[in-house]
Amino acid sequence: MYKIIGLLFLIIVAIVVISFTTLNAQSIQINYYFGEMDVPLAIALVASISAGILFGFIASFGMVLRLKRQNLKLKKSTKSAERELTSLRAVPSQNNH
């Protein structure tokens, strides 16, 4: 079922991309520090969106690593607490009730 939904989603995205490309076929001029270049509008938009996604991943990479390290420390702490609890349960009770 998930494969069918994924395939339908992929087909819809492909149709949107193809229609977007045909609707934005005009060429634009991009000026940068060392020159200029004529590229189709659709390619310029896709390139800028892709660059934004890439920069977003790079910016969040440090936070993801920090959270993974924190998660590992918490798992170690939990295992230590579970071992201590198991050992305390194994000790016979000292109460004389």
C-alpha atoms as a PDB file:
ATOM      1  CA  MET A   1       0.000   0.000   0.000  1.00  0.00           C
ATOM      2  CA  TYR A   2       2.809   2.439   0.917  1.00  0.00           C
ATOM      3  CA  LYS A   3       4.587   1.676  -2.363  1.00  0.00           C
ATOM      4  CA  ILE A   4       1.463   2.616  -4.315  1.00  0.00           C
ATOM      5  CA  ILE A   5       1.052   5.864  -2.375  1.00  0.00           C
ATOM      6  CA  GLY A   6       4.744   6.650  -2.867  1.00  0.00           C
ATOM      7  CA  LEU A   7       4.493   5.949  -6.589  1.00  0.00           C
ATOM      8  CA  LEU A   8       1.404   8.160  -6.917  1.00  0.00           C
ATOM      9  CA  PHE A   9       3.170  10.932  -5.017  1.00  0.00           C
ATOM     10  CA  LEU A  10       6.210  10.602  -7.293  1.00  0.00           C
ATOM     11  CA  ILE A  11       4.015  10.767 -10.404  1.00  0.00           C
ATOM     12  CA  ILE A  12       2.223  13.870  -9.110  1.00  0.00           C
ATOM     13  CA  VAL A  13       5.544  15.568  -8.291  1.00  0.00           C
ATOM     14  CA  ALA A  14       6.886  14.688 -11.749  1.00  0.00           C
ATOM     15  CA  ILE A  15       3.800  16.171 -13.418  1.00  0.00           C
ATOM     16  CA  VAL A  16       4.089  19.361 -11.355  1.00  0.00           C
ATOM     17  CA  VAL A  17       7.806  19.687 -12.152  1.00  0.00           C
ATOM     18  CA  ILE A  18       7.252  19.131 -15.880  1.00  0.00           C
ATOM     19  CA  SER A  19       4.413  21.669 -16.009  1.00  0.00           C
ATOM     20  CA  PHE A  20       6.448  24.133 -13.939  1.00  0.00           C
ATOM     21  CA  THR A  21       9.381  23.775 -16.330  1.00  0.00           C
ATOM     22  CA  THR A  22       7.259  24.306 -19.425  1.00  0.00           C
ATOM     23  CA  LEU A  23       5.474  27.320 -17.933  1.00  0.00           C
ATOM     24  CA  ASN A  24       8.781  28.957 -16.910  1.00  0.00           C
ATOM     25  CA  ALA A  25      10.844  28.303 -20.020  1.00  0.00           C
ATOM     26  CA  GLN A  26      11.998  31.903 -20.458  1.00  0.00           C
ATOM     27  CA  SER A  27      15.655  32.629 -19.913  1.00  0.00           C
ATOM     28  CA  ILE A  28      16.965  34.965 -17.216  1.00  0.00           C
ATOM     29  CA  GLN A  29      20.339  36.582 -16.809  1.00  0.00           C
ATOM     30  CA  ILE A  30      22.229  35.871 -13.588  1.00  0.00           C
ATOM     31  CA  ASN A  31      24.953  38.374 -12.711  1.00  0.00           C
ATOM     32  CA  TYR A  32      27.664  37.300 -10.315  1.00  0.00           C
ATOM     33  CA  TYR A  33      31.000  38.839  -9.301  1.00  0.00           C
ATOM     34  CA  PHE A  34      33.077  37.484 -12.178  1.00  0.00           C
ATOM     35  CA  GLY A  35      30.587  37.501 -15.025  1.00  0.00           C
ATOM     36  CA  GLU A  36      27.066  36.698 -16.050  1.00  0.00           C
ATOM     37  CA  MET A  37      25.139  33.715 -17.355  1.00  0.00           C
ATOM     38  CA  ASP A  38      21.815  33.113 -19.100  1.00  0.00           C
ATOM     39  CA  VAL A  39      19.844  30.200 -17.619  1.00  0.00           C
ATOM     40  CA  PRO A  40      16.204  29.097 -17.802  1.00  0.00           C
ATOM     41  CA  LEU A  41      14.068  30.448 -14.964  1.00  0.00           C
ATOM     42  CA  ALA A  42      13.030  26.966 -13.827  1.00  0.00           C
ATOM     43  CA  ILE A  43      16.650  25.856 -13.433  1.00  0.00           C
ATOM     44  CA  ALA A  44      17.515  29.008 -11.488  1.00  0.00           C
ATOM     45  CA  LEU A  45      14.588  28.434  -9.116  1.00  0.00           C
ATOM     46  CA  VAL A  46      15.371  24.748  -8.616  1.00  0.00           C
ATOM     47  CA  ALA A  47      19.041  25.583  -7.995  1.00  0.00           C
ATOM     48  CA  SER A  48      18.190  28.236  -5.397  1.00  0.00           C
ATOM     49  CA  ILE A  49      15.702  25.957  -3.618  1.00  0.00           C
ATOM     50  CA  SER A  50      18.247  23.130  -3.606  1.00  0.00           C
ATOM     51  CA  ALA A  51      20.926  25.453  -2.228  1.00  0.00           C
ATOM     52  CA  GLY A  52      18.553  26.544   0.540  1.00  0.00           C
ATOM     53  CA  ILE A  53      17.797  22.948   1.466  1.00  0.00           C
ATOM     54  CA  LEU A  54      21.515  22.111   1.491  1.00  0.00           C
ATOM     55  CA  PHE A  55      22.342  25.104   3.698  1.00  0.00           C
ATOM     56  CA  GLY A  56      19.504  24.141   6.033  1.00  0.00           C
ATOM     57  CA  PHE A  57      20.895  20.618   6.406  1.00  0.00           C
ATOM     58  CA  ILE A  58      24.379  21.974   7.044  1.00  0.00           C
ATOM     59  CA  ALA A  59      23.080  24.465   9.614  1.00  0.00           C
ATOM     60  CA  SER A  60      21.135  21.798  11.521  1.00  0.00           C
ATOM     61  CA  PHE A  61      23.899  19.179  11.366  1.00  0.00           C
ATOM     62  CA  GLY A  62      25.626  20.461  14.542  1.00  0.00           C
ATOM     63  CA  MET A  63      22.388  20.404  16.500  1.00  0.00           C
ATOM     64  CA  VAL A  64      21.615  16.865  15.344  1.00  0.00           C
ATOM     65  CA  LEU A  65      25.060  15.666  16.456  1.00  0.00           C
ATOM     66  CA  ARG A  66      24.663  17.369  19.840  1.00  0.00           C
ATOM     67  CA  LEU A  67      21.247  15.763  20.360  1.00  0.00           C
ATOM     68  CA  LYS A  68      22.565  12.323  19.368  1.00  0.00           C
ATOM     69  CA  ARG A  69      25.421  12.690  21.860  1.00  0.00           C
ATOM     70  CA  GLN A  70      22.951  13.761  24.565  1.00  0.00           C
ATOM     71  CA  ASN A  71      20.707  10.802  23.709  1.00  0.00           C
ATOM     72  CA  LEU A  72      23.657   8.412  24.066  1.00  0.00           C
ATOM     73  CA  LYS A  73      24.516   9.866  27.500  1.00  0.00           C
ATOM     74  CA  LEU A  74      20.896   9.503  28.625  1.00  0.00           C
ATOM     75  CA  LYS A  75      20.774   5.883  27.442  1.00  0.00           C
ATOM     76  CA  LYS A  76      23.948   5.110  29.410  1.00  0.00           C
ATOM     77  CA  SER A  77      22.484   6.802  32.477  1.00  0.00           C
ATOM     78  CA  THR A  78      19.255   4.823  32.108  1.00  0.00           C
ATOM     79  CA  LYS A  79      21.144   1.528  31.826  1.00  0.00           C
ATOM     80  CA  SER A  80      23.156   2.387  34.930  1.00  0.00           C
ATOM     81  CA  ALA A  81      19.996   3.227  36.878  1.00  0.00           C
ATOM     82  CA  GLU A  82      18.320  -0.004  35.708  1.00  0.00           C
ATOM     83  CA  ARG A  83      21.351  -2.069  36.828  1.00  0.00           C
ATOM     84  CA  GLU A  84      21.290  -0.345  40.217  1.00  0.00           C
ATOM     85  CA  LEU A  85      17.553  -0.978  40.576  1.00  0.00           C
ATOM     86  CA  THR A  86      17.997  -4.649  39.660  1.00  0.00           C
ATOM     87  CA  SER A  87      20.768  -5.056  42.220  1.00  0.00           C
ATOM     88  CA  LEU A  88      18.684  -3.330  44.919  1.00  0.00           C
ATOM     89  CA  ARG A  89      15.758  -5.635  44.215  1.00  0.00           C
ATOM     90  CA  ALA A  90      18.043  -8.644  44.597  1.00  0.00           C
ATOM     91  CA  VAL A  91      19.104  -7.591  48.127  1.00  0.00           C
ATOM     92  CA  PRO A  92      16.837  -9.165  50.773  1.00  0.00           C
ATOM     93  CA  SER A  93      14.778  -6.790  52.840  1.00  0.00           C
ATOM     94  CA  GLN A  94      16.167  -5.848  56.308  1.00  0.00           C
ATOM     95  CA  ASN A  95      12.759  -5.056  57.807  1.00  0.00           C
ATOM     96  CA  ASN A  96      11.536  -7.297  60.638  1.00  0.00           C
ATOM     97  CA  HIS A  97       7.779  -6.733  60.378  1.00  0.00           C
END
